[in-house]
């Protein structure tokens, strides 16, 4: 018998709706931390993929509660294991693939348009009863805020622009921006305000009374 396998070429990847993945096989689903099987291309449409993608910015507080981000909201600065202070940003989205998606977050000084930090990472969206997907709780953007060597202003209790973008592998994408106020936790003592001071240098002692730099440089 003639071997025809050489003429068939590589196996084609299959796009498999999350709804049909058997939980007993790999327990992979939208919003899961598990890595998909290499032979499957997970496809989790949220809404209508022929319509423009829509997003809303959300953030986490220190207790990991997800909060809809409003203009000029006090977004809590959180201390990650690696040090410094971050904000945890995610999205609510629809008309996008919830399983094969990248999230980009950026911190921008609106005084001069300087991009201070960017974080880009894969994310997954958990489908809610309202038809919107939300970033899985452990797949939010970890956007570094403090310290910043190039900041022209303090980074605690001072307004900054955040930009959040999401894009799936099919090209569906959307971007939203808001001005928010990164805010040190009350129980951080002087450490957070010190490390978020414009003049702070990593390794240096904190001044007893940091000089405020909250307004745009003239």
Protein backbone atom coordinates (compact mmCIF):
# COMPACT_ATOMS: atom_id res chain seq x y z
CA UNK A 1 0.00 0.00 0.00
CA UNK A 2 1.29 3.48 -0.90
CA UNK A 3 2.07 5.74 2.04
CA UNK A 4 0.18 9.02 1.40
CA UNK A 5 1.05 10.74 4.68
CA UNK A 6 3.91 12.70 3.11
CA UNK A 7 1.50 14.32 0.67
CA UNK A 8 -0.98 15.42 3.27
CA UNK A 9 1.17 18.15 4.82
CA UNK A 10 0.96 19.30 8.44
CA UNK A 11 -2.23 18.79 10.37
CA UNK A 12 -4.55 21.79 10.27
CA UNK A 13 -5.28 23.55 13.54
CA UNK A 14 -8.90 23.53 14.56
CA UNK A 15 -10.77 26.45 16.07
CA UNK A 16 -12.90 24.93 18.81
CA UNK A 17 -15.65 26.84 20.65
CA UNK A 18 -15.12 26.77 24.40
CA UNK A 19 -18.64 25.43 24.85
CA UNK A 20 -17.77 22.13 23.21
CA UNK A 21 -14.56 21.42 25.08
CA UNK A 22 -15.16 18.46 27.37
CA UNK A 23 -14.40 19.34 30.96
CA UNK A 24 -13.30 15.79 31.59
CA UNK A 25 -10.61 15.89 28.89
CA UNK A 26 -8.43 18.89 29.81
CA UNK A 27 -10.72 21.18 31.80
CA UNK A 28 -9.75 24.13 29.63
CA UNK A 29 -12.20 27.01 29.32
CA UNK A 30 -12.45 30.74 28.86
CA UNK A 31 -10.88 32.44 31.83
CA UNK A 32 -8.88 29.38 32.87
CA UNK A 33 -5.20 29.48 33.80
CA UNK A 34 -4.60 26.18 32.02
CA UNK A 35 -2.58 26.20 28.83
CA UNK A 36 -4.56 25.05 25.77
CA UNK A 37 -3.60 21.84 23.97
CA UNK A 38 -1.03 22.62 21.27
CA UNK A 39 -3.31 21.07 18.62
CA UNK A 40 -6.31 23.26 19.45
CA UNK A 41 -6.88 26.93 18.74
CA UNK A 42 -9.40 27.97 21.39
CA UNK A 43 -12.11 30.25 20.13
CA UNK A 44 -14.42 31.93 22.66
CA UNK A 45 -16.48 34.60 20.90
CA UNK A 46 -18.04 37.11 23.27
CA UNK A 47 -20.77 39.01 21.49
CA UNK A 48 -20.70 39.59 17.73
CA UNK A 49 -17.23 39.34 16.18
CA UNK A 50 -18.50 41.16 13.08
CA UNK A 51 -19.28 44.26 15.19
CA UNK A 52 -16.71 46.72 16.59
CA UNK A 53 -15.13 45.61 19.86
CA UNK A 54 -16.17 47.54 22.97
CA UNK A 55 -14.32 47.83 26.29
CA UNK A 56 -14.62 49.42 29.70
CA UNK A 57 -11.67 49.80 32.08
CA UNK A 58 -11.75 48.03 35.44
CA UNK A 59 -9.18 47.80 38.25
CA UNK A 60 -8.55 45.76 41.36
CA UNK A 61 -8.31 47.00 44.92
CA UNK A 62 -6.05 45.57 47.63
CA UNK A 63 -8.59 42.82 48.42
CA UNK A 64 -8.76 41.74 44.73
CA UNK A 65 -12.26 43.12 44.27
CA UNK A 66 -12.90 44.26 40.68
CA UNK A 67 -14.15 47.83 40.38
CA UNK A 68 -15.42 49.74 37.34
CA UNK A 69 -12.91 52.56 36.84
CA UNK A 70 -14.39 56.04 36.73
CA UNK A 71 -12.74 59.34 35.66
CA UNK A 72 -10.55 60.74 38.47
CA UNK A 73 -11.05 57.57 40.51
CA UNK A 74 -8.56 56.89 43.30
CA UNK A 75 -6.96 53.70 41.96
CA UNK A 76 -5.05 51.90 44.73
CA UNK A 77 -1.32 51.36 44.45
CA UNK A 78 -0.48 47.77 45.36
CA UNK A 79 2.89 46.35 46.48
CA UNK A 80 3.81 43.31 44.32
CA UNK A 81 6.36 40.67 45.43
CA UNK A 82 9.05 42.16 43.17
CA UNK A 83 8.88 45.53 44.92
CA UNK A 84 7.65 48.95 43.93
CA UNK A 85 4.00 49.86 43.44
CA UNK A 86 1.62 48.87 40.67
CA UNK A 87 -1.98 49.30 39.61
CA UNK A 88 -3.92 46.25 38.44
CA UNK A 89 -5.91 47.09 35.31
CA UNK A 90 -8.24 44.97 33.22
CA UNK A 91 -11.27 45.28 30.97
CA UNK A 92 -14.87 44.40 30.46
CA UNK A 93 -15.29 43.72 26.76
CA UNK A 94 -17.61 42.35 24.12
CA UNK A 95 -17.48 41.58 20.40
CA UNK A 96 -14.08 39.98 20.87
CA UNK A 97 -12.49 36.55 21.27
CA UNK A 98 -12.18 35.94 24.99
CA UNK A 99 -9.64 33.11 24.80
CA UNK A 100 -6.97 34.39 22.42
CA UNK A 101 -6.46 37.97 23.53
CA UNK A 102 -3.68 40.39 24.52
CA UNK A 103 -4.03 43.21 27.03
CA UNK A 104 -1.85 46.34 26.93
CA UNK A 105 -1.88 48.96 29.68
CA UNK A 106 0.07 52.21 29.77
CA UNK A 107 0.75 55.02 32.23
CA UNK A 108 0.96 58.44 30.57
CA UNK A 109 1.77 61.87 31.98
CA UNK A 110 -0.87 64.10 30.44
CA UNK A 111 1.31 67.17 31.10
CA UNK A 112 3.64 66.30 28.23
CA UNK A 113 2.29 63.03 26.79
CA UNK A 114 5.27 61.05 28.09
CA UNK A 115 4.63 57.30 28.30
CA UNK A 116 6.10 56.28 31.64
CA UNK A 117 5.34 52.56 31.62
CA UNK A 118 3.76 49.91 29.39
CA UNK A 119 2.67 46.39 30.32
CA UNK A 120 1.59 43.83 27.70
CA UNK A 121 0.42 40.30 28.46
CA UNK A 122 -2.00 37.59 27.35
CA UNK A 123 -5.36 37.73 29.06
CA UNK A 124 -8.56 35.74 29.07
CA UNK A 125 -12.09 36.99 29.57
CA UNK A 126 -14.69 35.35 31.79
CA UNK A 127 -18.14 35.59 30.23
CA UNK A 128 -20.73 37.21 32.50
CA UNK A 129 -24.50 36.87 32.54
CA UNK A 130 -24.80 40.31 30.94
CA UNK A 131 -23.03 39.15 27.76
CA UNK A 132 -19.78 41.01 28.53
CA UNK A 133 -16.44 39.33 29.24
CA UNK A 134 -14.19 40.46 32.07
CA UNK A 135 -10.45 39.94 32.51
CA UNK A 136 -9.84 36.85 34.62
CA UNK A 137 -8.91 37.92 38.12
CA UNK A 138 -5.31 36.66 37.91
CA UNK A 139 -4.70 37.95 34.37
CA UNK A 140 -4.96 41.71 34.91
CA UNK A 141 -2.29 44.07 33.64
CA UNK A 142 0.39 44.72 36.29
CA UNK A 143 1.25 48.31 35.40
CA UNK A 144 4.30 49.64 37.32
CA UNK A 145 3.74 53.13 38.70
CA UNK A 146 6.41 53.77 41.36
CA UNK A 147 9.26 54.46 41.41
CA UNK A 148 9.85 56.17 38.06
CA UNK A 149 13.22 57.65 37.17
CA UNK A 150 11.81 59.80 34.36
CA UNK A 151 8.71 61.15 36.11
CA UNK A 152 8.38 64.93 36.15
CA UNK A 153 5.80 64.80 38.95
CA UNK A 154 4.99 62.71 42.01
CA UNK A 155 3.03 59.53 41.32
CA UNK A 156 0.92 59.29 44.47
CA UNK A 157 -2.31 61.26 44.76
CA UNK A 158 -1.61 63.01 41.44
CA UNK A 159 -3.74 62.58 38.27
CA UNK A 160 -2.31 60.45 35.45
CA UNK A 161 -3.73 59.10 32.22
CA UNK A 162 -4.11 55.35 31.85
CA UNK A 163 -4.67 53.73 28.47
CA UNK A 164 -5.96 50.17 28.16
CA UNK A 165 -6.11 48.23 24.88
CA UNK A 166 -7.27 44.73 24.07
CA UNK A 167 -6.77 42.84 20.81
CA UNK A 168 -7.56 39.28 19.79
CA UNK A 169 -5.77 37.17 17.20
CA UNK A 170 -8.55 37.85 14.70
CA UNK A 171 -7.79 41.58 14.68
CA UNK A 172 -10.69 42.73 16.86
CA UNK A 173 -9.40 45.51 19.10
CA UNK A 174 -10.46 48.48 21.19
CA UNK A 175 -8.79 51.12 23.36
CA UNK A 176 -10.03 53.23 26.26
CA UNK A 177 -8.34 55.97 28.28
CA UNK A 178 -9.16 57.61 31.60
CA UNK A 179 -7.53 60.07 33.95
CA UNK A 180 -7.20 58.46 37.37
CA UNK A 181 -5.39 59.19 40.63
CA UNK A 182 -2.94 56.48 41.78
CA UNK A 183 -3.25 56.43 45.56
CA UNK A 184 -1.02 54.95 48.25
CA UNK A 185 -2.72 52.66 50.80
CA UNK A 186 -3.28 54.20 54.22
CA UNK A 187 -1.41 51.37 55.96
CA UNK A 188 1.79 51.83 53.90
CA UNK A 189 3.19 54.47 56.23
CA UNK A 190 5.78 56.72 54.57
CA UNK A 191 7.20 54.02 52.28
CA UNK A 192 4.71 54.38 49.43
CA UNK A 193 4.65 58.22 49.32
CA UNK A 194 8.46 58.16 49.49
CA UNK A 195 8.92 55.65 46.64
CA UNK A 196 6.32 57.50 44.58
CA UNK A 197 8.02 60.86 45.05
CA UNK A 198 9.41 62.34 41.85
CA UNK A 199 12.91 62.62 43.32
CA UNK A 200 13.11 59.17 44.90
CA UNK A 201 16.14 57.08 43.87
CA UNK A 202 16.04 53.34 44.52
CA UNK A 203 18.26 52.49 47.49
CA UNK A 204 18.27 55.98 48.93
CA UNK A 205 16.77 56.90 52.29
CA UNK A 206 13.36 58.56 52.26
CA UNK A 207 13.27 62.22 53.26
CA UNK A 208 11.35 63.00 56.42
CA UNK A 209 9.03 65.29 54.48
CA UNK A 210 9.05 64.73 50.69
CA UNK A 211 8.75 67.88 48.60
CA UNK A 212 5.45 67.80 46.69
CA UNK A 213 5.55 67.93 42.90
CA UNK A 214 1.93 67.55 41.84
CA UNK A 215 1.45 70.18 39.17
CA UNK A 216 2.68 70.16 35.59
CA UNK A 217 6.13 71.73 35.26
CA UNK A 218 5.94 75.23 33.83
